Amino acid sequence: MMLVATKPASQTPWRLGTYYEAIFKPAITQAGLTAVRADAVIFATGKIMDQVWRGINKPMILVSSNQEDVPFDLRHIRAIFYDQTDPFWEPKLIDRIADNIKSALTNPEEAIFRVEQG
């Protein structure tokens, strides 16, 4: 799961921890999995990046409030976009993330980020 945002934290009303507790954790649980924050279980320098690189060629779901925040080289990956002006954006986002997780588990080849060898 990857939240994409280019705004500085001071301009983003929701911080990653808030998203994790209010959106990601309920969605992951709804999909039948156990949510674990990498930064809560990995403490040594470099280990998070090692796991990120090992995650390449595995299912990935991007979450962003807009297309422009998604890096151009990741735009071919499925992404979930949400609109915080919608009064029901939170439950809609939870449902969409849960559905995409289930889909990625069923059809992982459709959600895989592939690094082009060149």
PDB file of N, CA and C in Angstrom:
ATOM      1  N   MET A   1       0.860  -1.150   0.000  1.00  0.00           N
ATOM      2  CA  MET A   1       0.000   0.000   0.000  1.00  0.00           C
ATOM      3  C   MET A   1       0.905   1.211   0.000  1.00  0.00           C
ATOM      4  N   MET A   2       0.623   2.155  -0.852  1.00  0.00           N
ATOM      5  CA  MET A   2       1.469   3.333  -0.956  1.00  0.00           C
ATOM      6  C   MET A   2       0.603   4.563  -1.091  1.00  0.00           C
ATOM      7  N   LEU A   3       0.713   5.455  -0.121  1.00  0.00           N
ATOM      8  CA  LEU A   3       0.010   6.728  -0.191  1.00  0.00           C
ATOM      9  C   LEU A   3       0.914   7.692  -0.928  1.00  0.00           C
ATOM     10  N   VAL A   4       0.408   8.330  -1.965  1.00  0.00           N
ATOM     11  CA  VAL A   4       1.208   9.254  -2.755  1.00  0.00           C
ATOM     12  C   VAL A   4       0.762  10.677  -2.458  1.00  0.00           C
ATOM     13  N   ALA A   5       1.706  11.525  -2.060  1.00  0.00           N
ATOM     14  CA  ALA A   5       1.401  12.934  -1.803  1.00  0.00           C
ATOM     15  C   ALA A   5       2.651  13.761  -2.032  1.00  0.00           C
ATOM     16  N   THR A   6       2.491  14.895  -2.675  1.00  0.00           N
ATOM     17  CA  THR A   6       3.636  15.760  -2.913  1.00  0.00           C
ATOM     18  C   THR A   6       3.582  17.016  -2.071  1.00  0.00           C
ATOM     19  N   LYS A   7       2.468  17.269  -1.402  1.00  0.00           N
ATOM     20  CA  LYS A   7       2.355  18.462  -0.567  1.00  0.00           C
ATOM     21  C   LYS A   7       3.155  18.266   0.717  1.00  0.00           C
ATOM     22  N   PRO A   8       3.772  19.337   1.237  1.00  0.00           N
ATOM     23  CA  PRO A   8       4.430  19.225   2.541  1.00  0.00           C
ATOM     24  C   PRO A   8       3.413  18.879   3.615  1.00  0.00           C
ATOM     25  N   ALA A   9       3.868  18.214   4.666  1.00  0.00           N
ATOM     26  CA  ALA A   9       2.960  17.772   5.736  1.00  0.00           C
ATOM     27  C   ALA A   9       2.161  18.930   6.312  1.00  0.00           C
ATOM     28  N   SER A  10       2.747  20.130   6.340  1.00  0.00           N
ATOM     29  CA  SER A  10       2.042  21.278   6.895  1.00  0.00           C
ATOM     30  C   SER A  10       0.830  21.676   6.059  1.00  0.00           C
ATOM     31  N   GLN A  11       0.819  21.305   4.765  1.00  0.00           N
ATOM     32  CA  GLN A  11      -0.300  21.635   3.889  1.00  0.00           C
ATOM     33  C   GLN A  11      -1.270  20.470   3.733  1.00  0.00           C
ATOM     34  N   THR A  12      -0.936  19.330   4.294  1.00  0.00           N
ATOM     35  CA  THR A  12      -1.781  18.149   4.190  1.00  0.00           C
ATOM     36  C   THR A  12      -2.516  17.976   5.504  1.00  0.00           C
ATOM     37  N   PRO A  13      -3.858  18.134   5.512  1.00  0.00           N
ATOM     38  CA  PRO A  13      -4.594  18.064   6.778  1.00  0.00           C
ATOM     39  C   PRO A  13      -4.520  16.695   7.442  1.00  0.00           C
ATOM     40  N   TRP A  14      -4.381  15.637   6.678  1.00  0.00           N
ATOM     41  CA  TRP A  14      -4.284  14.292   7.223  1.00  0.00           C
ATOM     42  C   TRP A  14      -2.835  13.839   7.126  1.00  0.00           C
ATOM     43  N   ARG A  15      -2.270  13.394   8.198  1.00  0.00           N
ATOM     44  CA  ARG A  15      -0.907  12.860   8.190  1.00  0.00           C
ATOM     45  C   ARG A  15      -0.978  11.345   7.977  1.00  0.00           C
ATOM     46  N   LEU A  16       0.158  10.747   7.620  1.00  0.00           N
ATOM     47  CA  LEU A  16       0.189   9.319   7.311  1.00  0.00           C
ATOM     48  C   LEU A  16      -0.356   8.475   8.459  1.00  0.00           C
ATOM     49  N   GLY A  17      -0.002   8.796   9.704  1.00  0.00           N
ATOM     50  CA  GLY A  17      -0.503   8.027  10.842  1.00  0.00           C
ATOM     51  C   GLY A  17      -2.014   8.071  10.939  1.00  0.00           C
ATOM     52  N   THR A  18      -2.589   9.224  10.635  1.00  0.00           N
ATOM     53  CA  THR A  18      -4.038   9.370  10.645  1.00  0.00           C
ATOM     54  C   THR A  18      -4.659   8.514   9.546  1.00  0.00           C
ATOM     55  N   TYR A  19      -4.076   8.556   8.347  1.00  0.00           N
ATOM     56  CA  TYR A  19      -4.569   7.720   7.251  1.00  0.00           C
ATOM     57  C   TYR A  19      -4.471   6.243   7.617  1.00  0.00           C
ATOM     58  N   TYR A  20      -3.361   5.867   8.220  1.00  0.00           N
ATOM     59  CA  TYR A  20      -3.188   4.458   8.584  1.00  0.00           C
ATOM     60  C   TYR A  20      -4.307   3.996   9.519  1.00  0.00           C
ATOM     61  N   GLU A  21      -4.538   4.731  10.583  1.00  0.00           N
ATOM     62  CA  GLU A  21      -5.533   4.322  11.575  1.00  0.00           C
ATOM     63  C   GLU A  21      -6.969   4.431  11.063  1.00  0.00           C
ATOM     64  N   ALA A  22      -7.278   5.503  10.327  1.00  0.00           N
ATOM     65  CA  ALA A  22      -8.658   5.762   9.916  1.00  0.00           C
ATOM     66  C   ALA A  22      -9.043   5.113   8.590  1.00  0.00           C
ATOM     67  N   ILE A  23      -8.077   4.902   7.709  1.00  0.00           N
ATOM     68  CA  ILE A  23      -8.387   4.414   6.360  1.00  0.00           C
ATOM     69  C   ILE A  23      -7.738   3.053   6.076  1.00  0.00           C
ATOM     70  N   PHE A  24      -6.401   3.011   6.098  1.00  0.00           N
ATOM     71  CA  PHE A  24      -5.694   1.800   5.664  1.00  0.00           C
ATOM     72  C   PHE A  24      -5.958   0.589   6.552  1.00  0.00           C
ATOM     73  N   LYS A  25      -5.840   0.755   7.860  1.00  0.00           N
ATOM     74  CA  LYS A  25      -6.034  -0.380   8.768  1.00  0.00           C
ATOM     75  C   LYS A  25      -7.441  -0.964   8.643  1.00  0.00           C
ATOM     76  N   PRO A  26      -8.503  -0.141   8.665  1.00  0.00           N
ATOM     77  CA  PRO A  26      -9.846  -0.721   8.475  1.00  0.00           C
ATOM     78  C   PRO A  26     -10.017  -1.394   7.106  1.00  0.00           C
ATOM     79  N   ALA A  27      -9.434  -0.810   6.051  1.00  0.00           N
ATOM     80  CA  ALA A  27      -9.568  -1.398   4.712  1.00  0.00           C
ATOM     81  C   ALA A  27      -8.840  -2.734   4.628  1.00  0.00           C
ATOM     82  N   ILE A  28      -7.656  -2.796   5.186  1.00  0.00           N
ATOM     83  CA  ILE A  28      -6.871  -4.034   5.162  1.00  0.00           C
ATOM     84  C   ILE A  28      -7.586  -5.112   5.970  1.00  0.00           C
ATOM     85  N   THR A  29      -8.124  -4.735   7.112  1.00  0.00           N
ATOM     86  CA  THR A  29      -8.891  -5.673   7.938  1.00  0.00           C
ATOM     87  C   THR A  29     -10.138  -6.138   7.197  1.00  0.00           C
ATOM     88  N   GLN A  30     -10.836  -5.211   6.530  1.00  0.00           N
ATOM     89  CA  GLN A  30     -12.036  -5.551   5.756  1.00  0.00           C
ATOM     90  C   GLN A  30     -11.705  -6.542   4.645  1.00  0.00           C
ATOM     91  N   ALA A  31     -10.477  -6.475   4.114  1.00  0.00           N
ATOM     92  CA  ALA A  31     -10.052  -7.394   3.053  1.00  0.00           C
ATOM     93  C   ALA A  31      -9.619  -8.749   3.614  1.00  0.00           C
ATOM     94  N   GLY A  32      -9.649  -8.884   4.942  1.00  0.00           N
ATOM     95  CA  GLY A  32      -9.322 -10.170   5.556  1.00  0.00           C
ATOM     96  C   GLY A  32      -7.856 -10.342   5.913  1.00  0.00           C
ATOM     97  N   LEU A  33      -7.092  -9.260   5.928  1.00  0.00           N
ATOM     98  CA  LEU A  33      -5.671  -9.328   6.249  1.00  0.00           C
ATOM     99  C   LEU A  33      -5.391  -8.599   7.558  1.00  0.00           C
ATOM    100  N   THR A  34      -4.182  -8.736   8.039  1.00  0.00           N
ATOM    101  CA  THR A  34      -3.751  -8.028   9.244  1.00  0.00           C
ATOM    102  C   THR A  34      -2.860  -6.877   8.838  1.00  0.00           C
ATOM    103  N   ALA A  35      -3.204  -5.680   9.276  1.00  0.00           N
ATOM    104  CA  ALA A  35      -2.420  -4.493   8.948  1.00  0.00           C
ATOM    105  C   ALA A  35      -1.218  -4.382   9.877  1.00  0.00           C
ATOM    106  N   VAL A  36      -0.049  -4.126   9.285  1.00  0.00           N
ATOM    107  CA  VAL A  36       1.178  -3.931  10.050  1.00  0.00           C
ATOM    108  C   VAL A  36       1.912  -2.751   9.446  1.00  0.00           C
ATOM    109  N   ARG A  37       2.234  -1.770  10.273  1.00  0.00           N
ATOM    110  CA  ARG A  37       3.017  -0.617   9.803  1.00  0.00           C
ATOM    111  C   ARG A  37       4.485  -0.985   9.798  1.00  0.00           C
ATOM    112  N   ALA A  38       5.137  -0.808   8.672  1.00  0.00           N
ATOM    113  CA  ALA A  38       6.560  -1.133   8.564  1.00  0.00           C
ATOM    114  C   ALA A  38       7.380  -0.324   9.554  1.00  0.00           C
ATOM    115  N   ASP A  39       7.047   0.943   9.729  1.00  0.00           N
ATOM    116  CA  ASP A  39       7.847   1.767  10.633  1.00  0.00           C
ATOM    117  C   ASP A  39       7.617   1.419  12.095  1.00  0.00           C
ATOM    118  N   ALA A  40       6.628   0.586  12.389  1.00  0.00           N
ATOM    119  CA  ALA A  40       6.389   0.164  13.765  1.00  0.00           C
ATOM    120  C   ALA A  40       7.147  -1.118  14.105  1.00  0.00           C
ATOM    121  N   VAL A  41       7.609  -1.845  13.089  1.00  0.00           N
ATOM    122  CA  VAL A  41       8.281  -3.125  13.342  1.00  0.00           C
ATOM    123  C   VAL A  41       9.702  -3.190  12.818  1.00  0.00           C
ATOM    124  N   ILE A  42      10.127  -2.193  12.052  1.00  0.00           N
ATOM    125  CA  ILE A  42      11.474  -2.188  11.478  1.00  0.00           C
ATOM    126  C   ILE A  42      12.202  -0.966  12.000  1.00  0.00           C
ATOM    127  N   PHE A  43      13.329  -1.182  12.654  1.00  0.00           N
ATOM    128  CA  PHE A  43      14.025  -0.073  13.283  1.00  0.00           C
ATOM    129  C   PHE A  43      15.417   0.191  12.713  1.00  0.00           C
ATOM    130  N   ALA A  44      16.078  -0.764  12.123  1.00  0.00           N
ATOM    131  CA  ALA A  44      17.447  -0.576  11.655  1.00  0.00           C
ATOM    132  C   ALA A  44      17.484   0.250  10.385  1.00  0.00           C
ATOM    133  N   THR A  45      18.525   1.048  10.242  1.00  0.00           N
ATOM    134  CA  THR A  45      18.692   1.891   9.062  1.00  0.00           C
ATOM    135  C   THR A  45      18.764   1.034   7.805  1.00  0.00           C
ATOM    136  N   GLY A  46      18.062   1.459   6.794  1.00  0.00           N
ATOM    137  CA  GLY A  46      18.132   0.782   5.503  1.00  0.00           C
ATOM    138  C   GLY A  46      17.169  -0.370   5.340  1.00  0.00           C
ATOM    139  N   LYS A  47      16.654  -0.921   6.407  1.00  0.00           N
ATOM    140  CA  LYS A  47      15.800  -2.098   6.276  1.00  0.00           C
ATOM    141  C   LYS A  47      14.494  -1.805   5.557  1.00  0.00           C
ATOM    142  N   ILE A  48      13.911  -0.630   5.792  1.00  0.00           N
ATOM    143  CA  ILE A  48      12.663  -0.304   5.109  1.00  0.00           C
ATOM    144  C   ILE A  48      12.903  -0.262   3.603  1.00  0.00           C
ATOM    145  N   MET A  49      13.971   0.392   3.165  1.00  0.00           N
ATOM    146  CA  MET A  49      14.250   0.462   1.724  1.00  0.00           C
ATOM    147  C   MET A  49      14.541  -0.920   1.153  1.00  0.00           C
ATOM    148  N   ASP A  50      15.213  -1.785   1.910  1.00  0.00           N
ATOM    149  CA  ASP A  50      15.436  -3.152   1.435  1.00  0.00           C
ATOM    150  C   ASP A  50      14.106  -3.837   1.169  1.00  0.00           C
ATOM    151  N   GLN A  51      13.149  -3.636   2.076  1.00  0.00           N
ATOM    152  CA  GLN A  51      11.849  -4.264   1.887  1.00  0.00           C
ATOM    153  C   GLN A  51      11.073  -3.631   0.743  1.00  0.00           C
ATOM    154  N   VAL A  52      11.244  -2.326   0.548  1.00  0.00           N
ATOM    155  CA  VAL A  52      10.590  -1.671  -0.581  1.00  0.00           C
ATOM    156  C   VAL A  52      11.101  -2.281  -1.883  1.00  0.00           C
ATOM    157  N   TRP A  53      12.410  -2.420  -2.014  1.00  0.00           N
ATOM    158  CA  TRP A  53      12.971  -2.975  -3.244  1.00  0.00           C
ATOM    159  C   TRP A  53      12.562  -4.425  -3.432  1.00  0.00           C
ATOM    160  N   ARG A  54      12.439  -5.184  -2.338  1.00  0.00           N
ATOM    161  CA  ARG A  54      11.966  -6.563  -2.458  1.00  0.00           C
ATOM    162  C   ARG A  54      10.500  -6.604  -2.856  1.00  0.00           C
ATOM    163  N   GLY A  55       9.774  -5.530  -2.585  1.00  0.00           N
ATOM    164  CA  GLY A  55       8.364  -5.452  -2.940  1.00  0.00           C
ATOM    165  C   GLY A  55       8.113  -5.249  -4.419  1.00  0.00           C
ATOM    166  N   ILE A  56       9.160  -4.855  -5.140  1.00  0.00           N
ATOM    167  CA  ILE A  56       9.012  -4.690  -6.587  1.00  0.00           C
ATOM    168  C   ILE A  56       8.732  -6.067  -7.183  1.00  0.00           C
ATOM    169  N   ASN A  57       7.898  -6.117  -8.178  1.00  0.00           N
ATOM    170  CA  ASN A  57       7.406  -7.344  -8.803  1.00  0.00           C
ATOM    171  C   ASN A  57       6.433  -8.080  -7.895  1.00  0.00           C
ATOM    172  N   LYS A  58       5.802  -7.336  -6.987  1.00  0.00           N
ATOM    173  CA  LYS A  58       4.740  -7.857  -6.140  1.00  0.00           C
ATOM    174  C   LYS A  58       3.550  -6.915  -6.285  1.00  0.00           C
ATOM    175  N   PRO A  59       2.346  -7.384  -5.946  1.00  0.00           N
ATOM    176  CA  PRO A  59       1.178  -6.507  -6.076  1.00  0.00           C
ATOM    177  C   PRO A  59       1.341  -5.201  -5.300  1.00  0.00           C
ATOM    178  N   MET A  60       0.868  -4.119  -5.930  1.00  0.00           N
ATOM    179  CA  MET A  60       0.971  -2.791  -5.328  1.00  0.00           C
ATOM    180  C   MET A  60      -0.306  -2.025  -5.638  1.00  0.00           C
ATOM    181  N   ILE A  61      -0.766  -1.256  -4.669  1.00  0.00           N
ATOM    182  CA  ILE A  61      -1.923  -0.388  -4.861  1.00  0.00           C
ATOM    183  C   ILE A  61      -1.514   1.013  -4.449  1.00  0.00           C
ATOM    184  N   LEU A  62      -1.679   1.954  -5.344  1.00  0.00           N
ATOM    185  CA  LEU A  62      -1.372   3.348  -5.043  1.00  0.00           C
ATOM    186  C   LEU A  62      -2.650   4.067  -4.639  1.00  0.00           C
ATOM    187  N   VAL A  63      -2.522   4.984  -3.687  1.00  0.00           N
ATOM    188  CA  VAL A  63      -3.657   5.779  -3.224  1.00  0.00           C
ATOM    189  C   VAL A  63      -3.235   7.237  -3.278  1.00  0.00           C
ATOM    190  N   SER A  64      -4.046   8.061  -3.953  1.00  0.00           N
ATOM    191  CA  SER A  64      -3.706   9.474  -4.087  1.00  0.00           C
ATOM    192  C   SER A  64      -4.973  10.301  -4.221  1.00  0.00           C
ATOM    193  N   SER A  65      -4.851  11.561  -3.827  1.00  0.00           N
ATOM    194  CA  SER A  65      -6.005  12.447  -3.993  1.00  0.00           C
ATOM    195  C   SER A  65      -6.096  12.989  -5.412  1.00  0.00           C
ATOM    196  N   ASN A  66      -5.017  12.839  -6.204  1.00  0.00           N
ATOM    197  CA  ASN A  66      -5.082  13.298  -7.594  1.00  0.00           C
ATOM    198  C   ASN A  66      -3.999  12.657  -8.448  1.00  0.00           C
ATOM    199  N   GLN A  67      -4.244  12.609  -9.740  1.00  0.00           N
ATOM    200  CA  GLN A  67      -3.343  11.982 -10.714  1.00  0.00           C
ATOM    201  C   GLN A  67      -1.979  12.656 -10.751  1.00  0.00           C
ATOM    202  N   GLU A  68      -1.937  13.964 -10.560  1.00  0.00           N
ATOM    203  CA  GLU A  68      -0.680  14.702 -10.665  1.00  0.00           C
ATOM    204  C   GLU A  68       0.323  14.306  -9.582  1.00  0.00           C
ATOM    205  N   ASP A  69      -0.140  13.816  -8.442  1.00  0.00           N
ATOM    206  CA  ASP A  69       0.759  13.393  -7.368  1.00  0.00           C
ATOM    207  C   ASP A  69       1.423  12.048  -7.632  1.00  0.00           C
ATOM    208  N   VAL A  70       0.885  11.270  -8.560  1.00  0.00           N
ATOM    209  CA  VAL A  70       1.456   9.968  -8.874  1.00  0.00           C
ATOM    210  C   VAL A  70       2.642  10.180  -9.811  1.00  0.00           C
ATOM    211  N   PRO A  71       3.835   9.705  -9.431  1.00  0.00           N
ATOM    212  CA  PRO A  71       4.992   9.856 -10.315  1.00  0.00           C
ATOM    213  C   PRO A  71       4.704   9.264 -11.694  1.00  0.00           C
ATOM    214  N   PHE A  72       5.206   9.918 -12.734  1.00  0.00           N
ATOM    215  CA  PHE A  72       4.893   9.506 -14.111  1.00  0.00           C
ATOM    216  C   PHE A  72       5.248   8.058 -14.371  1.00  0.00           C
ATOM    217  N   ASP A  73       6.313   7.549 -13.747  1.00  0.00           N
ATOM    218  CA  ASP A  73       6.737   6.179 -14.012  1.00  0.00           C
ATOM    219  C   ASP A  73       5.917   5.140 -13.236  1.00  0.00           C
ATOM    220  N   LEU A  74       4.965   5.592 -12.439  1.00  0.00           N
ATOM    221  CA  LEU A  74       4.082   4.673 -11.714  1.00  0.00           C
ATOM    222  C   LEU A  74       2.638   4.772 -12.191  1.00  0.00           C
ATOM    223  N   ARG A  75       2.371   5.603 -13.177  1.00  0.00           N
ATOM    224  CA  ARG A  75       0.985   5.827 -13.603  1.00  0.00           C
ATOM    225  C   ARG A  75       0.349   4.635 -14.307  1.00  0.00           C
ATOM    226  N   HIS A  76       1.147   3.649 -14.659  1.00  0.00           N
ATOM    227  CA  HIS A  76       0.579   2.446 -15.282  1.00  0.00           C
ATOM    228  C   HIS A  76       0.052   1.459 -14.242  1.00  0.00           C
ATOM    229  N   ILE A  77       0.316   1.723 -12.972  1.00  0.00           N
ATOM    230  CA  ILE A  77      -0.149   0.850 -11.887  1.00  0.00           C
ATOM    231  C   ILE A  77      -1.539   1.301 -11.460  1.00  0.00           C
ATOM    232  N   ARG A  78      -2.359   0.349 -11.069  1.00  0.00           N
ATOM    233  CA  ARG A  78      -3.693   0.708 -10.584  1.00  0.00           C
ATOM    234  C   ARG A  78      -3.554   1.719  -9.454  1.00  0.00           C
ATOM    235  N   ALA A  79      -4.400   2.706  -9.471  1.00  0.00           N
ATOM    236  CA  ALA A  79      -4.387   3.733  -8.432  1.00  0.00           C
ATOM    237  C   ALA A  79      -5.817   4.013  -7.999  1.00  0.00           C
ATOM    238  N   ILE A  80      -5.966   4.337  -6.746  1.00  0.00           N
ATOM    239  CA  ILE A  80      -7.261   4.720  -6.198  1.00  0.00           C
ATOM    240  C   ILE A  80      -7.185   6.213  -5.919  1.00  0.00           C
ATOM    241  N   PHE A  81      -8.104   6.955  -6.500  1.00  0.00           N
ATOM    242  CA  PHE A  81      -8.158   8.391  -6.274  1.00  0.00           C
ATOM    243  C   PHE A  81      -9.366   8.700  -5.404  1.00  0.00           C
ATOM    244  N   TYR A  82      -9.208   9.665  -4.505  1.00  0.00           N
ATOM    245  CA  TYR A  82     -10.291  10.038  -3.603  1.00  0.00           C
ATOM    246  C   TYR A  82     -10.430  11.552  -3.570  1.00  0.00           C
ATOM    247  N   ASP A  83     -11.590  12.000  -3.146  1.00  0.00           N
ATOM    248  CA  ASP A  83     -11.908  13.422  -3.100  1.00  0.00           C
ATOM    249  C   ASP A  83     -12.390  13.767  -1.691  1.00  0.00           C
ATOM    250  N   GLN A  84     -11.555  14.498  -0.956  1.00  0.00           N
ATOM    251  CA  GLN A  84     -11.906  14.841   0.421  1.00  0.00           C
ATOM    252  C   GLN A  84     -13.073  15.817   0.520  1.00  0.00           C
ATOM    253  N   THR A  85     -13.505  16.385  -0.582  1.00  0.00           N
ATOM    254  CA  THR A  85     -14.675  17.268  -0.534  1.00  0.00           C
ATOM    255  C   THR A  85     -15.981  16.471  -0.526  1.00  0.00           C
ATOM    256  N   ASP A  86     -15.918  15.194  -0.888  1.00  0.00           N
ATOM    257  CA  ASP A  86     -17.077  14.312  -0.821  1.00  0.00           C
ATOM    258  C   ASP A  86     -17.326  13.984   0.651  1.00  0.00           C
ATOM    259  N   PRO A  87     -18.517  14.243   1.173  1.00  0.00           N
ATOM    260  CA  PRO A  87     -18.765  13.994   2.593  1.00  0.00           C
ATOM    261  C   PRO A  87     -18.625  12.520   2.995  1.00  0.00           C
ATOM    262  N   PHE A  88     -18.680  11.624   2.031  1.00  0.00           N
ATOM    263  CA  PHE A  88     -18.574  10.191   2.322  1.00  0.00           C
ATOM    264  C   PHE A  88     -17.254   9.607   1.815  1.00  0.00           C
ATOM    265  N   TRP A  89     -16.238  10.454   1.648  1.00  0.00           N
ATOM    266  CA  TRP A  89     -14.982   9.996   1.049  1.00  0.00           C
ATOM    267  C   TRP A  89     -14.292   8.923   1.878  1.00  0.00           C
ATOM    268  N   GLU A  90     -14.365   8.995   3.201  1.00  0.00           N
ATOM    269  CA  GLU A  90     -13.657   8.009   4.028  1.00  0.00           C
ATOM    270  C   GLU A  90     -14.208   6.592   3.861  1.00  0.00           C
ATOM    271  N   PRO A  91     -15.512   6.360   4.068  1.00  0.00           N
ATOM    272  CA  PRO A  91     -15.998   4.984   3.889  1.00  0.00           C
ATOM    273  C   PRO A  91     -15.863   4.503   2.445  1.00  0.00           C
ATOM    274  N   LYS A  92     -16.030   5.415   1.477  1.00  0.00           N
ATOM    275  CA  LYS A  92     -15.850   5.029   0.066  1.00  0.00           C
ATOM    276  C   LYS A  92     -14.416   4.590  -0.181  1.00  0.00           C
ATOM    277  N   LEU A  93     -13.449   5.335   0.373  1.00  0.00           N
ATOM    278  CA  LEU A  93     -12.034   5.001   0.181  1.00  0.00           C
ATOM    279  C   LEU A  93     -11.698   3.675   0.851  1.00  0.00           C
ATOM    280  N   ILE A  94     -12.208   3.458   2.052  1.00  0.00           N
ATOM    281  CA  ILE A  94     -11.977   2.183   2.744  1.00  0.00           C
ATOM    282  C   ILE A  94     -12.486   1.025   1.893  1.00  0.00           C
ATOM    283  N   ASP A  95     -13.712   1.149   1.370  1.00  0.00           N
ATOM    284  CA  ASP A  95     -14.286   0.085   0.536  1.00  0.00           C
ATOM    285  C   ASP A  95     -13.477  -0.132  -0.733  1.00  0.00           C
ATOM    286  N   ARG A  96     -13.053   0.944  -1.378  1.00  0.00           N
ATOM    287  CA  ARG A  96     -12.290   0.814  -2.627  1.00  0.00           C
ATOM    288  C   ARG A  96     -10.931   0.169  -2.380  1.00  0.00           C
ATOM    289  N   ILE A  97     -10.270   0.549  -1.277  1.00  0.00           N
ATOM    290  CA  ILE A  97      -8.983  -0.068  -0.957  1.00  0.00           C
ATOM    291  C   ILE A  97      -9.178  -1.552  -0.666  1.00  0.00           C
ATOM    292  N   ALA A  98     -10.178  -1.888   0.147  1.00  0.00           N
ATOM    293  CA  ALA A  98     -10.447  -3.294   0.474  1.00  0.00           C
ATOM    294  C   ALA A  98     -10.735  -4.098  -0.797  1.00  0.00           C
ATOM    295  N   ASP A  99     -11.556  -3.552  -1.683  1.00  0.00           N
ATOM    296  CA  ASP A  99     -11.862  -4.238  -2.943  1.00  0.00           C
ATOM    297  C   ASP A  99     -10.610  -4.423  -3.795  1.00  0.00           C
ATOM    298  N   ASN A 100      -9.749  -3.416  -3.851  1.00  0.00           N
ATOM    299  CA  ASN A 100      -8.518  -3.519  -4.636  1.00  0.00           C
ATOM    300  C   ASN A 100      -7.538  -4.511  -4.023  1.00  0.00           C
ATOM    301  N   ILE A 101      -7.486  -4.587  -2.701  1.00  0.00           N
ATOM    302  CA  ILE A 101      -6.632  -5.588  -2.053  1.00  0.00           C
ATOM    303  C   ILE A 101      -7.118  -6.987  -2.418  1.00  0.00           C
ATOM    304  N   LYS A 102      -8.430  -7.197  -2.318  1.00  0.00           N
ATOM    305  CA  LYS A 102      -8.991  -8.504  -2.666  1.00  0.00           C
ATOM    306  C   LYS A 102      -8.699  -8.842  -4.125  1.00  0.00           C
ATOM    307  N   SER A 103      -8.838  -7.852  -5.013  1.00  0.00           N
ATOM    308  CA  SER A 103      -8.556  -8.065  -6.428  1.00  0.00           C
ATOM    309  C   SER A 103      -7.075  -8.387  -6.651  1.00  0.00           C
ATOM    310  N   ALA A 104      -6.192  -7.676  -5.940  1.00  0.00           N
ATOM    311  CA  ALA A 104      -4.753  -7.932  -6.074  1.00  0.00           C
ATOM    312  C   ALA A 104      -4.396  -9.328  -5.574  1.00  0.00           C
ATOM    313  N   LEU A 105      -5.093  -9.794  -4.555  1.00  0.00           N
ATOM    314  CA  LEU A 105      -4.852 -11.148  -4.058  1.00  0.00           C
ATOM    315  C   LEU A 105      -5.347 -12.195  -5.053  1.00  0.00           C
ATOM    316  N   THR A 106      -6.467 -11.898  -5.699  1.00  0.00           N
ATOM    317  CA  THR A 106      -7.039 -12.824  -6.673  1.00  0.00           C
ATOM    318  C   THR A 106      -6.288 -12.793  -8.000  1.00  0.00           C
ATOM    319  N   ASN A 107      -5.911 -11.581  -8.447  1.00  0.00           N
ATOM    320  CA  ASN A 107      -5.230 -11.391  -9.740  1.00  0.00           C
ATOM    321  C   ASN A 107      -3.960 -10.554  -9.542  1.00  0.00           C
ATOM    322  N   PRO A 108      -2.953 -11.103  -8.882  1.00  0.00           N
ATOM    323  CA  PRO A 108      -1.772 -10.296  -8.550  1.00  0.00           C
ATOM    324  C   PRO A 108      -1.029  -9.761  -9.767  1.00  0.00           C
ATOM    325  N   GLU A 109      -1.100 -10.471 -10.875  1.00  0.00           N
ATOM    326  CA  GLU A 109      -0.372 -10.011 -12.073  1.00  0.00           C
ATOM    327  C   GLU A 109      -0.866  -8.659 -12.567  1.00  0.00           C
ATOM    328  N   GLU A 110      -2.084  -8.302 -12.246  1.00  0.00           N
ATOM    329  CA  GLU A 110      -2.632  -7.011 -12.658  1.00  0.00           C
ATOM    330  C   GLU A 110      -2.164  -5.868 -11.769  1.00  0.00           C
ATOM    331  N   ALA A 111      -1.615  -6.168 -10.595  1.00  0.00           N
ATOM    332  CA  ALA A 111      -1.227  -5.135  -9.642  1.00  0.00           C
ATOM    333  C   ALA A 111       0.285  -5.087  -9.417  1.00  0.00           C
ATOM    334  N   ILE A 112       1.043  -5.782 -10.268  1.00  0.00           N
ATOM    335  CA  ILE A 112       2.492  -5.871 -10.066  1.00  0.00           C
ATOM    336  C   ILE A 112       3.202  -4.680 -10.697  1.00  0.00           C
ATOM    337  N   PHE A 113       4.098  -4.079  -9.913  1.00  0.00           N
ATOM    338  CA  PHE A 113       4.975  -3.026 -10.420  1.00  0.00           C
ATOM    339  C   PHE A 113       6.206  -3.719 -10.975  1.00  0.00           C
ATOM    340  N   ARG A 114       6.435  -3.562 -12.251  1.00  0.00           N
ATOM    341  CA  ARG A 114       7.573  -4.205 -12.895  1.00  0.00           C
ATOM    342  C   ARG A 114       8.630  -3.172 -13.236  1.00  0.00           C
ATOM    343  N   VAL A 115       9.866  -3.498 -12.929  1.00  0.00           N
ATOM    344  CA  VAL A 115      10.979  -2.629 -13.277  1.00  0.00           C
ATOM    345  C   VAL A 115      11.488  -3.081 -14.631  1.00  0.00           C
ATOM    346  N   GLU A 116      11.524  -2.141 -15.563  1.00  0.00           N
ATOM    347  CA  GLU A 116      12.016  -2.449 -16.894  1.00  0.00           C
ATOM    348  C   GLU A 116      13.539  -2.627 -16.851  1.00  0.00           C
ATOM    349  N   GLN A 117      14.018  -3.722 -17.395  1.00  0.00           N
ATOM    350  CA  GLN A 117      15.456  -3.953 -17.480  1.00  0.00           C
ATOM    351  C   GLN A 117      15.976  -3.298 -18.745  1.00  0.00           C
ATOM    352  N   GLY A 118      17.010  -2.475 -18.613  1.00  0.00           N
ATOM    353  CA  GLY A 118      17.447  -1.771 -19.799  1.00  0.00           C
ATOM    354  C   GLY A 118      18.897  -1.652 -19.953  1.00  0.00           C
TER     355      GLY A 118
END
